[in-house]
C-alpha cells in the first residue's frame, strides 16, 4: 500500500503529551502543541505533515494509543 492511501491521526483526548512520539519520529514532523485537551494536556501535533513518511514509529511508542495511521478509501 502506498503512503498516499494513508493518513496520520492523533486522538487529542488520549494524548498526555509525554513526548515519546516526538522523540521517535525520524523526520521530526511532530511537536508538543499549544492546544489543551479535556484533561489539560498539550496535544501533540504534526508540524510538518508533508515530511511524514507514515512509518508508524509514533504509534508503536505511544503508551496511550493516541496516535496512528489510518487507511483511506
N, C-alpha and C. Protein backbone atom coordinates (compact mmCIF):
# COMPACT_ATOMS: atom_id res chain seq x y z
N UNK A 1 0.84 -1.19 0.00
CA UNK A 1 0.00 0.00 0.00
C UNK A 1 0.88 1.24 0.00
N UNK A 2 0.55 2.18 -0.82
CA UNK A 2 1.30 3.42 -0.93
C UNK A 2 0.94 4.37 0.20
N UNK A 3 1.89 5.21 0.60
CA UNK A 3 1.66 6.18 1.67
C UNK A 3 0.54 7.15 1.32
N UNK A 4 0.30 7.40 0.04
CA UNK A 4 -0.76 8.33 -0.37
C UNK A 4 -2.14 7.82 0.04
N UNK A 5 -2.26 6.54 0.32
CA UNK A 5 -3.54 5.95 0.70
C UNK A 5 -3.70 5.86 2.21
N UNK A 6 -2.83 6.55 2.93
CA UNK A 6 -2.88 6.53 4.39
C UNK A 6 -2.89 7.95 4.93
N UNK A 7 -3.36 8.09 6.17
CA UNK A 7 -3.42 9.40 6.81
C UNK A 7 -2.97 9.26 8.26
N UNK A 8 -2.21 10.21 8.73
CA UNK A 8 -1.72 10.26 10.09
C UNK A 8 -2.80 10.89 10.97
N UNK A 9 -3.12 10.30 12.12
CA UNK A 9 -4.15 10.85 13.01
C UNK A 9 -3.67 10.87 14.46
N UNK A 10 -4.17 11.86 15.21
CA UNK A 10 -3.88 11.99 16.63
C UNK A 10 -5.20 12.13 17.38
N UNK A 11 -5.41 11.27 18.37
CA UNK A 11 -6.61 11.35 19.21
C UNK A 11 -6.28 12.29 20.37
N UNK A 12 -6.74 13.51 20.27
CA UNK A 12 -6.38 14.56 21.24
C UNK A 12 -6.74 14.19 22.68
N UNK A 13 -7.86 13.56 22.88
CA UNK A 13 -8.30 13.26 24.25
C UNK A 13 -7.48 12.16 24.91
N UNK A 14 -6.78 11.36 24.14
CA UNK A 14 -5.93 10.31 24.71
C UNK A 14 -4.50 10.80 24.97
N UNK A 15 -4.10 11.87 24.30
CA UNK A 15 -2.72 12.36 24.38
C UNK A 15 -2.44 12.96 25.76
N UNK A 16 -1.31 12.55 26.35
CA UNK A 16 -0.88 13.10 27.63
C UNK A 16 0.45 13.83 27.50
N UNK A 17 0.79 14.22 26.29
CA UNK A 17 1.99 14.98 25.94
C UNK A 17 3.26 14.45 26.59
N UNK A 18 3.43 13.15 26.55
CA UNK A 18 4.64 12.55 27.11
C UNK A 18 5.85 12.81 26.22
N UNK A 19 5.61 13.04 24.92
CA UNK A 19 6.69 13.36 24.00
C UNK A 19 7.42 12.18 23.41
N UNK A 20 7.01 10.96 23.73
CA UNK A 20 7.68 9.79 23.18
C UNK A 20 7.59 9.74 21.66
N UNK A 21 6.45 10.11 21.13
CA UNK A 21 6.27 10.10 19.67
C UNK A 21 7.15 11.17 19.01
N UNK A 22 7.27 12.31 19.67
CA UNK A 22 8.11 13.40 19.15
C UNK A 22 9.56 12.93 19.05
N UNK A 23 10.02 12.26 20.08
CA UNK A 23 11.40 11.76 20.10
C UNK A 23 11.61 10.64 19.08
N UNK A 24 10.60 9.82 18.85
CA UNK A 24 10.73 8.65 17.97
C UNK A 24 10.66 9.01 16.49
N UNK A 25 10.06 10.13 16.15
CA UNK A 25 9.84 10.47 14.75
C UNK A 25 11.16 10.70 14.02
N UNK A 26 11.45 9.89 13.00
CA UNK A 26 12.72 10.04 12.29
C UNK A 26 12.80 11.28 11.40
N UNK A 27 11.68 11.89 11.11
CA UNK A 27 11.64 13.07 10.24
C UNK A 27 11.30 14.35 10.99
N UNK A 28 11.20 14.28 12.32
CA UNK A 28 10.89 15.45 13.16
C UNK A 28 9.64 16.18 12.70
N UNK A 29 8.58 15.42 12.44
CA UNK A 29 7.34 16.04 11.97
C UNK A 29 6.35 16.33 13.11
N UNK A 30 6.66 15.86 14.32
CA UNK A 30 5.75 16.04 15.45
C UNK A 30 6.32 17.00 16.48
N UNK A 31 5.41 17.66 17.22
CA UNK A 31 5.82 18.57 18.29
C UNK A 31 4.69 18.66 19.31
N UNK A 32 5.05 18.98 20.54
CA UNK A 32 4.03 19.24 21.56
C UNK A 32 3.40 20.58 21.20
N UNK A 33 2.09 20.58 20.99
CA UNK A 33 1.39 21.78 20.56
C UNK A 33 0.92 22.65 21.71
N UNK A 34 0.20 23.69 21.37
CA UNK A 34 -0.34 24.64 22.36
C UNK A 34 -1.78 24.32 22.75
N UNK A 35 -2.45 23.48 21.96
CA UNK A 35 -3.85 23.14 22.22
C UNK A 35 -3.96 22.18 23.41
N UNK A 36 -4.84 22.50 24.35
CA UNK A 36 -5.07 21.64 25.51
C UNK A 36 -6.25 20.72 25.25
N UNK A 37 -6.15 19.47 25.72
CA UNK A 37 -7.29 18.57 25.64
C UNK A 37 -8.12 18.69 26.92
N UNK A 38 -9.15 17.89 27.05
CA UNK A 38 -10.05 17.95 28.20
C UNK A 38 -9.39 17.64 29.53
N UNK A 39 -8.25 16.98 29.47
CA UNK A 39 -7.52 16.63 30.69
C UNK A 39 -6.48 17.69 31.06
N UNK A 40 -6.33 18.69 30.20
CA UNK A 40 -5.38 19.76 30.46
C UNK A 40 -3.98 19.52 29.92
N UNK A 41 -3.82 18.52 29.08
CA UNK A 41 -2.52 18.23 28.46
C UNK A 41 -2.40 18.94 27.12
N UNK A 42 -1.20 19.37 26.80
CA UNK A 42 -0.93 19.92 25.48
C UNK A 42 -0.88 18.75 24.49
N UNK A 43 -1.65 18.85 23.43
CA UNK A 43 -1.76 17.76 22.46
C UNK A 43 -0.64 17.83 21.44
N UNK A 44 -0.09 16.67 21.11
CA UNK A 44 0.93 16.59 20.07
C UNK A 44 0.28 16.94 18.74
N UNK A 45 1.03 17.63 17.90
CA UNK A 45 0.52 17.96 16.57
C UNK A 45 1.59 17.67 15.52
N UNK A 46 1.14 17.49 14.33
CA UNK A 46 2.05 17.25 13.22
C UNK A 46 2.39 18.61 12.61
N UNK A 47 3.62 19.04 12.81
CA UNK A 47 4.02 20.38 12.37
C UNK A 47 4.52 20.42 10.93
N UNK A 48 4.93 19.28 10.39
CA UNK A 48 5.37 19.20 9.01
C UNK A 48 4.81 17.94 8.37
N UNK A 49 3.50 17.88 8.15
CA UNK A 49 2.88 16.65 7.62
C UNK A 49 3.43 16.23 6.26
N UNK A 50 3.90 17.18 5.48
CA UNK A 50 4.43 16.84 4.16
C UNK A 50 5.71 16.01 4.25
N UNK A 51 6.39 16.05 5.39
CA UNK A 51 7.62 15.28 5.57
C UNK A 51 7.39 13.90 6.22
N UNK A 52 6.18 13.65 6.69
CA UNK A 52 5.86 12.38 7.34
C UNK A 52 5.93 11.23 6.34
N UNK A 53 6.64 10.18 6.71
CA UNK A 53 6.76 9.01 5.84
C UNK A 53 5.83 7.88 6.28
N UNK A 54 4.97 8.15 7.26
CA UNK A 54 3.97 7.20 7.75
C UNK A 54 4.60 5.88 8.17
N UNK A 55 5.75 5.98 8.86
CA UNK A 55 6.47 4.78 9.30
C UNK A 55 5.78 4.07 10.45
N UNK A 56 4.99 4.81 11.24
CA UNK A 56 4.26 4.21 12.35
C UNK A 56 5.03 4.13 13.66
N UNK A 57 6.25 4.65 13.71
CA UNK A 57 7.01 4.60 14.96
C UNK A 57 6.29 5.35 16.08
N UNK A 58 5.65 6.44 15.74
CA UNK A 58 4.90 7.21 16.75
C UNK A 58 3.80 6.35 17.38
N UNK A 59 3.13 5.59 16.54
CA UNK A 59 2.06 4.70 17.01
C UNK A 59 2.61 3.62 17.93
N UNK A 60 3.75 3.08 17.57
CA UNK A 60 4.36 2.00 18.33
C UNK A 60 4.77 2.45 19.73
N UNK A 61 5.34 3.65 19.86
CA UNK A 61 5.85 4.11 21.15
C UNK A 61 4.80 4.77 22.03
N UNK A 62 3.65 5.13 21.50
CA UNK A 62 2.63 5.83 22.29
C UNK A 62 2.00 4.90 23.33
N UNK A 63 2.19 5.20 24.61
CA UNK A 63 1.63 4.34 25.65
C UNK A 63 0.11 4.47 25.81
N UNK A 64 -0.46 5.51 25.24
CA UNK A 64 -1.89 5.75 25.40
C UNK A 64 -2.69 5.51 24.12
N UNK A 65 -2.06 4.93 23.12
CA UNK A 65 -2.70 4.63 21.83
C UNK A 65 -3.42 5.88 21.30
N UNK A 66 -2.71 6.99 21.33
CA UNK A 66 -3.30 8.27 20.93
C UNK A 66 -2.92 8.69 19.51
N UNK A 67 -2.07 7.93 18.87
CA UNK A 67 -1.56 8.34 17.59
C UNK A 67 -1.48 7.14 16.66
N UNK A 68 -1.74 7.38 15.39
CA UNK A 68 -1.68 6.26 14.47
C UNK A 68 -1.82 6.67 13.02
N UNK A 69 -1.95 5.68 12.20
CA UNK A 69 -2.09 5.86 10.76
C UNK A 69 -3.31 5.07 10.33
N UNK A 70 -4.19 5.70 9.57
CA UNK A 70 -5.39 5.03 9.08
C UNK A 70 -5.36 4.93 7.57
N UNK A 71 -6.01 3.92 7.07
CA UNK A 71 -6.11 3.71 5.63
C UNK A 71 -7.29 4.50 5.07
N UNK A 72 -7.07 5.18 3.97
CA UNK A 72 -8.13 5.94 3.30
C UNK A 72 -8.82 5.08 2.26
N UNK A 73 -10.05 5.41 1.97
CA UNK A 73 -10.78 4.69 0.92
C UNK A 73 -10.31 5.07 -0.46
